[in-house]
Structure formats: C-alpha cells, structure tokens
Amino acid sequence: VQLVESGGGLVQTGGSLRLSCAADGLTFEFYDIVWFLQAPGKGREGVSYISVQDRITYYADSAKGGFTVSAERAKNTVYLEMNNLKPEDTAVYYCAADRVKVQGSQWDQWVKYDYWGRGTHVTVSS
C-alpha cells in the first residue's frame, strides 16, 4: 500500500491550495481517510475525515468553513481544498487510511491509522 500526497507549496495569506492523496494498493472507497497536519515542533492534528462509502465527512474546528475534503473514485484519490489560508496553517500535511471504521468522535486519533503518506509541505507567508 502506498499513499502519495501532492499539491503543497508556498502561498500567501488568503490564498488557496488543493492537496491530493493518491492511493496505490487500496481502494479508498472502503477505507477511512483522514488528513492530518504537523506544524513545526508540534504533534499531529486531525484536519478532516472522509468515508466515501458512508458519505460522511468530519472537520476540525480550525478547518470548518475554509477546507473541503472530497474523493474521486475514478482516480482513487482524495483531495483537501484549502481556502483562505493563514500562516498558522503552515505544516506538513499527511493523508492516512485505515480499513476499520472509526467511532465518529475518534476520527482524529492518529494512532488508529495503519497507512500513511510521506506528507506534503504547506507554507503560508504573511
């Protein structure tokens, strides 16, 4: 199994980015997929969750209103659209997947997820 993130980069405050997470070796539709971020010197934080099969999404409070998670079955790819970015959004963004369905409130527990990408860097300049 391989997850590959892309789409990160340098953007100014207020700008937008769309991150992609492409999967090889698993079919997203049958997995819980989560985007995490890890800011410099901090731990991993959940950003957004999607269950394609159950048509459920969750967002961290910090992501609500500005970020949107989606999936494209034909490409076996999950996206994270990030708008109105702020310097505090600067981090490495990872996608993670797990076959076992999560209990809703625990979607952001990173230890649950078995498969991880290597991350993509997002830098938001002020």
Protein backbone atom coordinates (compact mmCIF):
# COMPACT_ATOMS: atom_id res chain seq x y z
CA VAL A 1 0.00 0.00 0.00
CA GLN A 2 1.24 3.44 -0.89
CA LEU A 3 -0.30 6.84 -0.27
CA VAL A 4 1.23 9.79 -2.08
CA GLU A 5 0.39 13.37 -1.20
CA SER A 6 0.94 16.28 -3.55
CA GLY A 7 -0.15 19.85 -4.06
CA GLY A 8 1.66 21.58 -1.24
CA GLY A 9 3.71 24.70 -1.72
CA LEU A 10 4.21 28.31 -0.76
CA VAL A 11 1.19 30.57 -0.77
CA GLN A 12 0.38 34.00 0.63
CA THR A 13 -2.14 34.62 3.38
CA GLY A 14 -5.63 34.35 1.97
CA GLY A 15 -4.54 32.06 -0.82
CA SER A 16 -5.70 28.55 -1.69
CA LEU A 17 -4.22 25.15 -2.30
CA ARG A 18 -5.64 21.78 -3.25
CA LEU A 19 -3.85 18.80 -1.80
CA SER A 20 -4.18 15.36 -3.37
CA CYS A 21 -3.71 11.93 -1.86
CA ALA A 22 -3.39 9.16 -4.42
CA ALA A 23 -3.61 5.55 -3.31
CA ASP A 24 -1.93 2.51 -4.74
CA GLY A 25 -2.79 -0.88 -3.31
CA LEU A 26 -6.06 0.01 -1.65
CA THR A 27 -9.43 1.26 -2.78
CA PHE A 28 -10.33 4.46 -0.95
CA GLU A 29 -13.98 3.71 -1.06
CA PHE A 30 -13.65 1.03 1.60
CA TYR A 31 -11.34 2.91 3.96
CA ASP A 32 -11.48 5.73 6.44
CA ILE A 33 -9.30 8.51 5.07
CA VAL A 34 -8.01 11.39 7.15
CA TRP A 35 -5.87 14.43 6.52
CA PHE A 36 -3.52 15.31 9.37
CA LEU A 37 -1.12 18.19 9.75
CA GLN A 38 2.03 18.54 11.77
CA ALA A 39 3.31 22.03 12.38
CA PRO A 40 6.96 22.61 13.29
CA GLY A 41 7.62 21.46 16.82
CA LYS A 42 4.09 20.18 17.36
CA GLY A 43 2.23 16.89 17.24
CA ARG A 44 -0.08 15.60 14.54
CA GLU A 45 -3.54 17.11 14.39
CA GLY A 46 -6.55 15.87 12.51
CA VAL A 47 -7.80 18.22 9.82
CA SER A 48 -10.54 16.33 8.02
CA TYR A 49 -12.03 12.85 7.63
CA ILE A 50 -13.91 11.22 4.81
CA SER A 51 -15.69 7.92 4.41
CA VAL A 52 -16.54 7.63 0.75
CA GLN A 53 -18.67 4.54 1.29
CA ASP A 54 -20.73 6.08 4.09
CA ARG A 55 -20.70 9.60 2.63
CA ILE A 56 -19.51 11.08 5.92
CA THR A 57 -17.04 13.92 6.47
CA TYR A 58 -15.69 15.49 9.62
CA TYR A 59 -13.61 18.61 10.12
CA ALA A 60 -11.51 20.04 12.88
CA ASP A 61 -12.92 23.30 14.18
CA SER A 62 -9.97 25.13 12.64
CA ALA A 63 -10.81 23.71 9.22
CA LYS A 64 -14.54 24.36 9.17
CA GLY A 65 -15.61 26.91 6.64
CA GLY A 66 -12.29 27.06 4.84
CA PHE A 67 -11.37 23.47 3.99
CA THR A 68 -13.27 20.87 1.98
CA VAL A 69 -12.46 17.17 1.68
CA SER A 70 -13.62 15.16 -1.33
CA ALA A 71 -12.85 12.00 -3.23
CA GLU A 72 -12.69 10.97 -6.85
CA ARG A 73 -13.36 7.26 -7.24
CA ALA A 74 -12.13 7.01 -10.79
CA LYS A 75 -8.70 8.28 -9.75
CA ASN A 76 -8.72 6.62 -6.33
CA THR A 77 -7.71 9.99 -4.97
CA VAL A 78 -8.81 12.11 -2.02
CA TYR A 79 -8.49 15.88 -2.07
CA LEU A 80 -8.28 18.62 0.52
CA GLU A 81 -9.26 22.01 -0.82
CA MET A 82 -7.88 24.72 1.45
CA ASN A 83 -9.07 28.30 1.10
CA ASN A 84 -8.31 31.50 2.96
CA LEU A 85 -5.06 30.08 4.26
CA LYS A 86 -3.33 31.65 7.24
CA PRO A 87 0.26 31.48 8.47
CA GLU A 88 -0.87 29.14 11.26
CA ASP A 89 -1.85 26.62 8.57
CA THR A 90 1.84 26.15 7.78
CA ALA A 91 2.63 22.48 8.32
CA VAL A 92 3.33 19.16 6.71
CA TYR A 93 0.04 17.61 5.62
CA TYR A 94 -0.34 13.86 5.63
CA CYS A 95 -3.09 11.57 4.45
CA ALA A 96 -3.76 8.37 6.32
CA ALA A 97 -6.03 5.40 5.79
CA ASP A 98 -7.48 2.56 7.79
CA ARG A 99 -9.80 -0.32 6.93
CA VAL A 100 -11.52 -0.41 10.32
CA LYS A 101 -14.34 2.07 10.65
CA VAL A 102 -13.71 4.74 13.25
CA GLN A 103 -16.03 5.72 16.08
CA GLY A 104 -17.08 9.21 14.94
CA SER A 105 -15.58 11.31 17.70
CA GLN A 106 -12.25 9.49 17.43
CA TRP A 107 -11.62 10.19 13.76
CA ASP A 108 -8.63 12.38 14.58
CA GLN A 109 -6.74 9.80 16.67
CA TRP A 110 -3.67 9.32 14.51
CA VAL A 111 -2.64 6.07 16.19
CA LYS A 112 -5.65 4.37 14.63
CA TYR A 113 -4.45 4.70 11.05
CA ASP A 114 -2.29 1.99 9.57
CA TYR A 115 -1.30 3.55 6.25
CA TRP A 116 0.41 6.90 5.83
CA GLY A 117 1.84 9.00 3.09
CA ARG A 118 5.10 10.90 3.42
CA GLY A 119 3.43 14.28 3.54
CA THR A 120 3.40 17.46 1.53
CA HIS A 121 4.66 20.79 2.83
CA VAL A 122 2.40 23.80 3.01
CA THR A 123 3.86 27.19 3.83
CA VAL A 124 1.67 30.25 4.19
CA SER A 125 3.51 33.54 4.20
CA SER A 126 2.22 36.63 5.96
